[in-house]
Amino acid sequence: MLVQLRTALTPAIWGTTYAVTTLLLPAEDPVWMVVYRLLPAGLLLLAFAPGLLKGPWVKRAMTIGLTNLSMIFFVFIAAFRLPSGMAGTLMATLPLQIIFYIWILDGKTPVARQLIASLIGLFGVGMLLLGAVELDWIGIGAAMAACLSTFTGVYLSGKWGRPDVSMVTYTGWHVTLGGLYAVPIALVLEGAAPVPDLNMVLAFFWIGILGMGLASVNWLKGIVQLNPTTIGFLSLVNPVSAVLCGQLLVGEQFGLRQWVGILIVLGSIVFALKAPSAAKVAAQTKDAAATS
């Protein structure tokens, strides 16, 4: 349970991204925002834990770097277009997506208890969103795309297991690569980089250095120790954090219905993590990683 709690800290921190983005970052240059969030965090991690990747881990880091780029870009689009609570709670569809994709990719039949828990969690998400805002389909699509990018990174990282260097070094490389990928795209689409002001510096210290750097290391450690479905359920902490930040920092409306939704979401997480088949699923995941 300690591993689950430690891993859950990362989506809790990531849930603050939407409020921080709304309050402190400009909406005109989303690709440069990706660069600023990824590149400094990755370079700082490599400064603390320098090292070179070898063999297949070079291509693997390059691949995860692409998932970082796409995930962060879509998160920013969702954050700019949707209220914090809605953007965060839409990411809570990840458990159902993981169950579906694992079923399709690996042929693993969903565990009844976890499927029930995911449906309960989504019901809680519905309680959070019901009647809150008008629907912005671009923002909703961006949130769903961010979910798919997150799943891709979780799935591949779980298959590959631990890298041949420290987790800090490996994280530093794929976060840095994600930032480097975004630079030419930003130059073509948005022109010269915006000069960071104090608000941007504060924002990227929180969601970049802490949220993308240190929290990503913690997340990857959890991925190699837990099965993908458990990781998906832990991501439900993200919308809870997002809704609370939306209320406390942005001033979004938040009433009894939303509190009930939060309690339902948290209850679904506890219910899922107590599934008796968790150890079996974890063992299957590790076996698949060892043979890939």
Foldseek 3Di string as FASTA:
>chain_A
DVLLVLLLVQLLLVLLLLLLCQPFHDLQQLLLLLLLQQAVQLVVLCVVPPDDADDPLVVVLLVLLQLSLLLSSLLSLLSNPDQSLLLQLLLLLLLVVLQVVCCVPVVDHDDPLLVVLSVLLNVLSCLQPPPQDDDDVSSSVSSVSSSVSVSVSLLVLLLQADGPGQLSNSLSRSSNSNSVVSVVVSCVPPNDRDDDDPSSVVSSVSCHNVNSRVSVSSNSVSSNQFPSSLSSLSSSSSSVSRSVCSCPPVNGDDDPSNVVSSVSSVVSNVSNVPDPCRVVRSVVSNVSSVVD
